[in-house]
Each structure stands twice: as C-alpha cells, then as structure tokens.
N, C-alpha and C. Protein backbone atom coordinates (compact mmCIF):
# COMPACT_ATOMS: atom_id res chain seq x y z
N MET A 1 14.18 -8.12 6.34
CA MET A 1 14.16 -6.66 6.12
C MET A 1 13.24 -5.65 7.47
N LYS A 2 12.35 -6.42 7.91
CA LYS A 2 12.01 -5.68 9.14
C LYS A 2 12.64 -5.70 10.25
N LYS A 3 13.08 -6.66 10.31
CA LYS A 3 14.11 -7.40 11.50
C LYS A 3 15.01 -6.00 11.50
N LYS A 4 15.60 -5.77 10.17
CA LYS A 4 16.79 -4.97 9.95
C LYS A 4 16.50 -3.68 10.92
N ILE A 5 15.24 -3.53 10.15
CA ILE A 5 14.58 -1.80 10.42
C ILE A 5 14.60 -1.77 11.66
N ILE A 6 14.25 -2.56 12.29
CA ILE A 6 13.67 -2.51 13.95
C ILE A 6 14.64 -2.39 14.39
N LYS A 7 15.91 -3.17 14.22
CA LYS A 7 16.96 -3.37 15.09
C LYS A 7 17.64 -1.91 14.67
N ASN A 8 17.67 -1.42 13.41
CA ASN A 8 18.38 0.14 13.06
C ASN A 8 17.63 1.09 14.22
N ILE A 9 16.05 1.16 14.20
CA ILE A 9 15.80 1.72 15.24
C ILE A 9 15.92 1.45 16.40
N LEU A 10 16.17 0.82 17.20
CA LEU A 10 16.26 0.58 18.50
C LEU A 10 18.12 1.11 18.78
N LEU A 11 18.73 0.62 17.79
CA LEU A 11 20.02 1.38 17.54
C LEU A 11 20.52 2.47 17.75
N LEU A 12 19.36 3.26 16.96
CA LEU A 12 19.40 4.47 16.61
C LEU A 12 19.11 5.10 17.55
N PHE A 13 18.41 5.03 18.81
CA PHE A 13 17.76 5.90 20.22
C PHE A 13 18.54 5.41 21.08
N SER A 14 19.30 4.10 20.96
CA SER A 14 20.12 3.55 21.87
C SER A 14 21.11 4.41 21.99
N CYS A 15 22.17 4.50 20.92
CA CYS A 15 23.20 5.11 20.26
C CYS A 15 23.42 6.59 20.70
N SER A 16 21.99 7.05 20.36
CA SER A 16 22.02 8.63 20.31
C SER A 16 21.77 9.22 21.80
N VAL A 17 21.43 8.11 22.73
CA VAL A 17 21.35 8.85 24.20
C VAL A 17 22.55 8.63 24.45
N LEU A 18 23.49 7.16 23.96
CA LEU A 18 24.51 6.97 24.91
C LEU A 18 25.75 8.03 24.61
N PHE A 19 25.55 8.52 23.22
CA PHE A 19 26.79 9.49 22.54
C PHE A 19 26.24 10.95 22.41
N ILE A 20 25.65 11.46 23.91
CA ILE A 20 25.04 12.55 24.03
C ILE A 20 25.87 13.70 23.71
N SER A 21 26.23 14.54 23.22
CA SER A 21 27.13 15.55 23.43
C SER A 21 26.89 16.27 24.65
N SER A 22 28.07 16.98 25.16
CA SER A 22 27.37 17.77 26.76
C SER A 22 27.50 18.97 26.31
N SER A 23 27.77 19.22 25.35
CA SER A 23 27.89 21.40 25.04
C SER A 23 26.48 21.84 24.48
N PHE A 24 26.03 22.43 25.18
CA PHE A 24 24.87 23.17 25.21
C PHE A 24 24.84 24.25 24.32
N SER A 25 25.69 24.93 23.15
CA SER A 25 26.02 26.09 23.20
C SER A 25 24.98 26.92 22.20
N GLN A 26 24.23 25.97 21.79
CA GLN A 26 22.87 26.88 20.92
C GLN A 26 22.08 26.98 22.06
N SER A 27 21.18 27.95 22.02
CA SER A 27 20.07 28.69 22.48
C SER A 27 18.63 27.42 22.42
N MET A 28 17.98 27.46 23.26
CA MET A 28 16.46 26.73 23.05
C MET A 28 15.69 27.63 22.07
N GLY A 29 15.99 29.00 21.92
CA GLY A 29 14.97 29.83 20.93
C GLY A 29 15.66 29.46 19.53
N SER A 30 16.72 29.24 19.42
CA SER A 30 17.23 28.79 17.79
C SER A 30 17.29 27.43 17.49
N PHE A 31 17.33 26.21 18.31
CA PHE A 31 16.77 25.02 18.35
C PHE A 31 15.28 24.95 17.87
N PHE A 32 14.59 25.53 18.41
CA PHE A 32 12.97 25.78 17.87
C PHE A 32 12.36 26.19 16.64
N LYS A 33 13.67 26.96 16.79
CA LYS A 33 13.24 28.09 15.57
C LYS A 33 13.80 27.25 14.16
N TYR A 34 15.30 26.39 14.29
CA TYR A 34 15.55 25.72 12.89
C TYR A 34 15.54 24.23 13.00
N GLU A 35 14.96 23.70 14.03
CA GLU A 35 14.82 22.29 13.82
C GLU A 35 13.44 21.88 14.51
N ALA A 36 13.13 22.36 15.85
CA ALA A 36 12.10 21.69 16.80
C ALA A 36 10.71 21.45 16.08
N VAL A 37 10.58 22.76 15.52
CA VAL A 37 8.78 22.95 15.17
C VAL A 37 8.89 21.96 14.16
N ASN A 38 9.72 22.20 13.37
CA ASN A 38 9.79 21.05 11.96
C ASN A 38 9.80 19.73 12.50
N THR A 39 10.54 19.52 13.45
CA THR A 39 10.59 17.95 13.46
C THR A 39 8.79 17.47 14.35
N LEU A 40 8.68 18.28 15.23
CA LEU A 40 7.40 18.11 15.72
C LEU A 40 6.17 18.10 14.72
N ALA A 41 6.17 18.89 14.09
CA ALA A 41 4.78 18.66 12.53
C ALA A 41 4.96 17.70 11.92
N GLY A 42 6.44 16.86 11.56
CA GLY A 42 6.44 15.85 11.25
C GLY A 42 6.21 14.42 12.01
N LEU A 43 6.37 14.48 13.17
CA LEU A 43 6.03 13.46 13.80
C LEU A 43 4.57 13.36 14.27
N ALA A 44 3.78 14.60 14.53
CA ALA A 44 2.92 14.87 14.88
C ALA A 44 1.72 14.16 13.78
N HIS A 45 1.63 14.74 12.68
CA HIS A 45 0.81 14.45 11.40
C HIS A 45 2.04 14.47 10.15
N PRO A 46 2.11 13.40 9.99
CA PRO A 46 3.59 12.67 9.01
C PRO A 46 3.09 12.95 7.44
N THR A 47 2.09 12.91 7.64
CA THR A 47 1.10 12.98 6.18
C THR A 47 0.29 14.01 5.75
N ASN A 48 0.84 15.26 6.79
CA ASN A 48 0.38 16.44 6.45
C ASN A 48 1.66 17.31 5.82
N THR A 49 1.37 18.31 5.08
CA THR A 49 2.06 19.27 4.30
C THR A 49 2.12 20.39 5.40
N TYR A 50 3.70 20.32 5.71
CA TYR A 50 3.89 21.51 6.73
C TYR A 50 3.81 22.98 6.24
N LYS A 51 3.36 23.75 6.67
CA LYS A 51 2.97 25.32 6.31
C LYS A 51 4.39 26.13 7.11
N SER A 52 4.07 26.19 8.30
CA SER A 52 5.03 26.93 9.19
C SER A 52 4.31 26.55 10.45
N GLY A 53 4.70 27.48 11.50
CA GLY A 53 4.85 27.47 12.54
C GLY A 53 5.41 28.87 13.66
N GLN A 54 5.19 28.51 14.88
CA GLN A 54 5.22 29.69 16.07
C GLN A 54 5.54 28.86 17.01
N TYR A 55 6.59 29.46 18.25
CA TYR A 55 6.75 28.82 19.53
C TYR A 55 6.81 30.30 20.04
N THR A 56 6.72 29.92 21.89
CA THR A 56 7.31 30.61 22.62
C THR A 56 7.47 29.90 24.06
N ILE A 57 8.13 30.34 24.31
CA ILE A 57 9.47 29.66 25.32
C ILE A 57 9.19 30.31 26.54
N TYR A 58 8.59 29.32 27.71
CA TYR A 58 8.69 29.29 29.00
C TYR A 58 9.47 28.74 30.09
N ASP A 59 9.64 29.01 31.19
CA ASP A 59 10.51 28.11 31.97
C ASP A 59 10.51 27.05 31.88
N ASN A 60 9.49 26.45 32.12
CA ASN A 60 9.22 24.39 32.15
C ASN A 60 8.45 24.06 31.08
N TYR A 61 8.07 25.30 30.36
CA TYR A 61 7.26 24.45 28.89
C TYR A 61 7.38 25.23 27.72
N ILE A 62 6.94 24.59 26.70
CA ILE A 62 6.89 25.93 25.32
C ILE A 62 5.91 25.14 24.28
N LEU A 63 4.97 27.07 23.72
CA LEU A 63 4.07 26.23 23.00
C LEU A 63 4.14 26.42 21.68
N VAL A 64 3.84 25.40 20.86
CA VAL A 64 3.81 25.64 19.69
C VAL A 64 3.13 25.26 18.93
N GLU A 65 3.10 26.48 17.92
CA GLU A 65 1.45 25.77 17.21
C GLU A 65 2.32 25.63 15.72
N ILE A 66 1.74 24.83 15.18
CA ILE A 66 1.84 24.25 13.61
C ILE A 66 0.85 23.80 12.54
N TYR A 67 1.32 25.07 11.87
CA TYR A 67 0.43 24.90 10.88
C TYR A 67 0.36 24.35 9.30
N TYR A 68 -0.41 23.33 9.05
CA TYR A 68 -0.35 22.72 7.76
C TYR A 68 -1.30 23.05 6.72
N GLU A 69 -1.30 22.38 5.19
CA GLU A 69 -1.95 22.95 4.45
C GLU A 69 -3.45 23.28 5.06
N GLN A 70 -4.12 22.20 5.69
CA GLN A 70 -5.37 22.37 6.04
C GLN A 70 -5.90 22.28 7.35
N TYR A 71 -5.09 22.16 8.09
CA TYR A 71 -4.82 21.64 9.50
C TYR A 71 -3.79 22.58 10.48
N THR A 72 -4.48 22.35 11.73
CA THR A 72 -3.45 23.66 13.00
C THR A 72 -3.78 22.46 13.82
N THR A 73 -2.24 22.85 14.58
CA THR A 73 -2.33 22.19 15.83
C THR A 73 -1.51 22.70 16.84
N LYS A 74 -1.83 22.70 18.11
CA LYS A 74 -1.57 23.55 19.32
C LYS A 74 -0.43 22.31 20.20
N LEU A 75 0.54 22.58 20.80
CA LEU A 75 1.00 22.03 21.47
C LEU A 75 1.94 22.51 22.94
N LYS A 76 1.71 22.26 23.87
CA LYS A 76 2.41 22.50 25.12
C LYS A 76 2.99 21.55 25.50
N ILE A 77 4.79 21.45 25.31
CA ILE A 77 5.64 20.61 25.49
C ILE A 77 6.39 21.10 27.05
N LEU A 78 6.15 19.56 28.03
CA LEU A 78 6.89 19.93 29.08
C LEU A 78 8.21 19.93 29.14
N ARG A 79 8.91 20.07 29.81
CA ARG A 79 10.73 20.47 29.96
C ARG A 79 10.71 20.32 31.34
N LYS A 80 11.73 19.34 31.93
CA LYS A 80 12.83 19.41 33.21
C LYS A 80 14.15 19.87 32.64
N GLY A 81 14.43 20.64 33.38
CA GLY A 81 15.96 21.09 32.41
C GLY A 81 16.09 20.90 30.80
N ASP A 82 16.93 20.41 30.46
CA ASP A 82 17.05 19.77 29.27
C ASP A 82 16.59 19.06 28.66
N TYR A 83 15.63 17.89 29.28
CA TYR A 83 14.76 17.31 29.29
C TYR A 83 13.33 17.62 28.23
N PHE A 84 12.63 16.84 27.57
CA PHE A 84 11.38 17.26 27.21
C PHE A 84 10.89 15.75 27.44
N THR A 85 9.43 16.55 28.70
CA THR A 85 9.30 14.84 29.49
C THR A 85 7.59 14.67 28.84
N GLU A 86 6.71 15.53 28.62
CA GLU A 86 5.43 15.56 27.96
C GLU A 86 4.98 16.55 27.20
N ILE A 87 4.09 15.72 25.87
CA ILE A 87 3.74 16.75 24.99
C ILE A 87 2.00 16.54 25.49
N ILE A 88 1.56 18.08 25.25
CA ILE A 88 -0.21 17.84 25.71
C ILE A 88 -0.56 18.69 24.48
N THR A 89 -1.77 17.95 23.63
CA THR A 89 -2.43 18.44 22.78
C THR A 89 -3.57 19.58 23.18
N ILE A 90 -3.80 21.03 23.12
CA ILE A 90 -3.60 21.69 23.29
C ILE A 90 -5.22 22.29 22.32
N SER A 91 -5.01 21.78 21.20
CA SER A 91 -6.00 21.80 20.15
C SER A 91 -5.04 21.37 18.72
N ASP A 92 -6.68 20.43 17.99
CA ASP A 92 -5.72 20.14 16.53
C ASP A 92 -7.13 19.30 15.96
N ASN A 93 -7.14 20.11 15.05
CA ASN A 93 -8.52 20.04 13.52
C ASN A 93 -7.95 19.00 12.82
N ASP A 94 -7.51 18.26 13.02
CA ASP A 94 -7.53 16.93 12.12
C ASP A 94 -7.92 15.48 12.75
N PHE A 95 -8.35 15.22 11.61
CA PHE A 95 -9.20 13.91 12.39
C PHE A 95 -8.41 12.64 13.14
N ILE A 96 -7.45 12.91 12.60
CA ILE A 96 -6.26 12.03 13.42
C ILE A 96 -5.41 12.75 14.37
N PRO A 97 -5.72 11.85 15.49
CA PRO A 97 -4.58 12.38 16.86
C PRO A 97 -3.08 12.77 16.22
N PRO A 98 -2.73 13.84 17.22
CA PRO A 98 -1.15 13.76 16.64
C PRO A 98 -0.64 12.60 17.49
N PHE A 99 0.76 12.29 16.55
CA PHE A 99 1.26 11.43 17.29
C PHE A 99 0.82 9.77 17.31
N ALA A 100 -0.39 9.88 16.73
CA ALA A 100 -0.87 8.70 16.36
C ALA A 100 -0.16 8.07 15.04
N GLY A 101 0.55 8.37 14.37
CA GLY A 101 0.89 7.80 13.35
C GLY A 101 2.13 7.19 13.50
N ILE A 102 3.25 7.83 14.52
CA ILE A 102 4.41 7.28 14.67
C ILE A 102 3.94 5.98 15.66
N GLU A 103 3.20 5.69 16.14
CA GLU A 103 2.37 4.98 17.50
C GLU A 103 2.54 3.78 16.40
N ILE A 104 1.51 3.74 15.53
CA ILE A 104 1.03 2.89 14.77
C ILE A 104 2.40 2.23 13.46
N ILE A 105 3.04 3.10 13.07
CA ILE A 105 4.44 2.95 12.62
C ILE A 105 5.03 1.94 13.52
N LYS A 106 5.62 2.46 14.91
CA LYS A 106 6.09 1.40 15.86
C LYS A 106 5.65 0.09 15.69
N ASP A 107 4.12 0.22 15.92
CA ASP A 107 3.35 -1.16 16.63
C ASP A 107 3.80 -2.29 15.19
N PHE A 108 3.52 -1.42 14.16
CA PHE A 108 3.55 -2.44 12.64
C PHE A 108 4.86 -2.93 12.94
N LEU A 109 6.10 -2.08 12.76
CA LEU A 109 6.97 -2.72 12.74
C LEU A 109 7.59 -3.33 13.75
N ILE A 110 7.29 -3.39 15.08
CA ILE A 110 7.39 -4.58 15.97
C ILE A 110 6.66 -5.85 16.09
N GLU A 111 5.53 -5.43 15.64
CA GLU A 111 4.52 -6.89 15.36
C GLU A 111 5.25 -7.43 14.12
N GLY A 112 5.68 -6.54 13.07
CA GLY A 112 5.88 -7.43 11.63
C GLY A 112 7.28 -8.37 11.71
N THR A 113 8.15 -8.07 12.48
CA THR A 113 9.50 -8.81 12.84
C THR A 113 9.02 -10.28 13.57
N GLU A 114 10.43 -10.81 13.08
CA GLU A 114 10.04 -11.96 13.84
C GLU A 114 10.44 -12.02 15.52
N ASP A 115 9.85 -13.05 16.52
CA ASP A 115 10.38 -12.88 17.29
C ASP A 115 11.49 -13.78 17.84
N THR A 116 12.65 -13.51 17.77
CA THR A 116 13.94 -14.14 18.19
C THR A 116 14.51 -13.40 19.15
N GLU A 117 15.87 -14.55 19.57
CA GLU A 117 16.08 -14.23 20.89
C GLU A 117 17.05 -12.41 20.55
N GLU A 118 17.56 -12.06 19.50
CA GLU A 118 18.10 -11.14 18.92
C GLU A 118 17.15 -10.03 19.08
N ARG A 119 16.18 -10.15 18.88
CA ARG A 119 15.08 -9.07 18.90
C ARG A 119 14.81 -9.32 20.68
N ARG A 120 14.48 -10.09 20.86
CA ARG A 120 14.16 -9.63 22.46
C ARG A 120 15.37 -9.16 23.12
N LYS A 121 16.74 -9.48 23.14
CA LYS A 121 17.97 -8.95 23.75
C LYS A 121 17.76 -7.21 23.31
N LEU A 122 17.55 -6.95 22.31
CA LEU A 122 17.26 -5.24 21.71
C LEU A 122 16.45 -4.88 22.56
N MET A 123 15.05 -5.44 22.57
CA MET A 123 13.92 -4.83 23.53
C MET A 123 14.32 -4.92 24.56
N ASN A 124 15.28 -5.57 25.35
CA ASN A 124 15.43 -5.34 26.61
C ASN A 124 16.47 -4.00 27.15
N SER A 125 17.34 -4.50 25.97
CA SER A 125 18.53 -3.04 26.04
C SER A 125 17.60 -2.03 26.26
N PHE A 126 16.42 -1.63 25.40
CA PHE A 126 15.46 -0.67 25.13
C PHE A 126 15.28 -0.06 26.40
N GLU A 127 14.32 -1.11 26.66
CA GLU A 127 13.90 -1.06 28.09
C GLU A 127 14.93 -0.46 29.58
N LYS A 128 15.79 -1.20 29.24
CA LYS A 128 16.70 -0.71 30.53
C LYS A 128 17.20 0.46 30.32
N ARG A 129 17.49 1.40 28.95
CA ARG A 129 18.00 2.11 28.90
C ARG A 129 16.92 3.25 28.96
N PHE A 130 15.62 3.07 28.70
CA PHE A 130 14.63 4.24 28.96
C PHE A 130 13.57 3.92 29.59
N ASP A 131 13.51 2.68 30.54
CA ASP A 131 13.06 2.95 31.84
C ASP A 131 11.51 2.47 31.21
N LYS A 132 11.51 2.01 30.15
CA LYS A 132 9.94 1.44 29.44
C LYS A 132 10.33 0.75 28.31
N ALA A 133 9.21 -0.12 28.42
CA ALA A 133 9.44 -1.12 26.97
C ALA A 133 9.04 -0.34 25.70
N LEU A 134 9.17 -0.45 24.48
CA LEU A 134 9.27 0.38 23.37
C LEU A 134 7.70 0.01 22.94
N LEU A 135 7.45 -1.44 23.44
CA LEU A 135 5.92 -1.30 22.79
C LEU A 135 4.91 -1.03 23.70
N ASP A 136 5.46 -0.24 25.07
CA ASP A 136 4.48 0.49 25.58
C ASP A 136 4.38 1.86 25.91
N MET A 137 5.33 2.08 24.48
CA MET A 137 5.36 3.79 24.09
C MET A 137 4.25 4.29 23.67
N THR A 138 4.20 5.63 24.34
CA THR A 138 3.12 6.22 23.10
C THR A 138 3.76 6.90 22.03
N GLY A 139 2.81 7.86 21.04
CA GLY A 139 3.71 8.31 20.09
C GLY A 139 3.90 10.04 20.50
N LYS A 140 3.65 10.09 21.75
CA LYS A 140 3.89 11.45 22.47
C LYS A 140 5.09 11.17 23.16
N GLU A 141 5.29 10.11 23.83
CA GLU A 141 6.74 9.47 24.54
C GLU A 141 7.57 9.42 23.22
N MET A 142 7.46 8.88 22.48
CA MET A 142 8.91 8.77 21.56
C MET A 142 8.74 9.85 20.81
N ALA A 143 7.99 11.23 20.77
CA ALA A 143 8.13 12.36 19.89
C ALA A 143 8.79 13.16 20.99
N CYS A 144 9.02 13.18 22.76
CA CYS A 144 9.39 13.61 23.75
C CYS A 144 11.07 12.97 23.40
N MET A 145 10.94 11.71 23.11
CA MET A 145 12.44 11.00 23.12
C MET A 145 13.04 11.69 22.27
N ALA A 146 12.88 11.69 21.00
CA ALA A 146 12.83 12.00 19.83
C ALA A 146 13.39 13.74 19.85
N LEU A 147 12.72 14.59 20.34
CA LEU A 147 13.24 15.97 20.23
C LEU A 147 14.19 16.26 21.81
N THR A 148 14.05 15.16 22.63
CA THR A 148 15.21 15.25 23.79
C THR A 148 16.70 15.02 22.80
N ILE A 149 16.72 14.09 22.41
CA ILE A 149 17.99 13.48 21.51
C ILE A 149 18.23 14.51 20.58
N ASN A 150 17.62 15.01 19.52
CA ASN A 150 17.97 16.44 18.87
C ASN A 150 18.54 17.47 19.28
N TRP A 151 17.73 17.99 20.73
CA TRP A 151 18.25 18.65 21.39
C TRP A 151 19.84 18.42 21.88
N PHE A 152 19.69 17.65 22.52
CA PHE A 152 21.08 17.23 22.62
C PHE A 152 22.30 17.21 21.58
N ASN A 153 21.44 16.94 20.64
CA ASN A 153 22.63 16.79 19.47
C ASN A 153 22.44 18.10 18.76
N TYR A 154 21.85 19.03 19.01
CA TYR A 154 21.81 20.52 17.85
C TYR A 154 23.30 21.40 18.49
C-alpha cells in the first residue's frame, strides 16, 4: 500500500510536468483568485480550517495572505516567468511552520516504503526530471512545484 502511494505521488509529479499544456489563456489573477490561494492554504497548514485569502500580484512575485479560523499566514511567492521558484514566509502565527506538514508526510511516505529496485528507479527518475532528490526537497520547494504544475494545468 505504501509502495503504491509513493509510486503514485512520483508518477503524478512526473506525468504532470511531462504533459504540461502550453496554452496560458487564463490570467495569473484568476488563477490566484480561484485556485492558488486555496491550494497554498492547504499546503501551508493542511490541518487548519481555511477561511479566506487575498493576494497582490507584482512583476516577479505575489504576496498572499491566508486566513484560517485562528491563524494568519503571509507569504511572498517568487516567480520567474511562469515558474514559481521560492516561497518566503513573511509572517505566521501558528506554532507549526508553514509547509512543514507536507514535508513530514513526504518523509513518512518515503521512509515507510520498502527500498526496492523499482523505488530506486522512480526516485532516480524524479531526481533527473527536477534536478533534486525528492528526499532533499523542503515543503516550500514541493509547494512551488505543485503551484507551478497547477498553474500550467489551469
């Protein structure tokens, strides 16, 4: 079961990047309004109840404020063209740092799967595709990758 989950995660990331649509008919503003803020809220604090969010788009970064029931998170998302490259936490009043949850889940899934030849091949394929080992990726880096893939598929 765990092996299948990690395989599906790796295949999802790899396939999404391989089959990215080249049409960008939607605006960055509508992407953040209808999808990105909600996605970031879930990735930043998956166990908090998301209430609302707002964003401001600049030439090479986006400022995002996410409001949960009891917490607020402010982020600066850097981008180069259509790629989101870095997430900087401006402020966050939750005791768990933003994006720590998805990093813990990633580590748990990887460490919880049996070390087989198939797993090593999948991990090597991921590393070649993204120029970084999945084991070494931070939660913020994974969120940038997920946000970029969502943008390309929007």
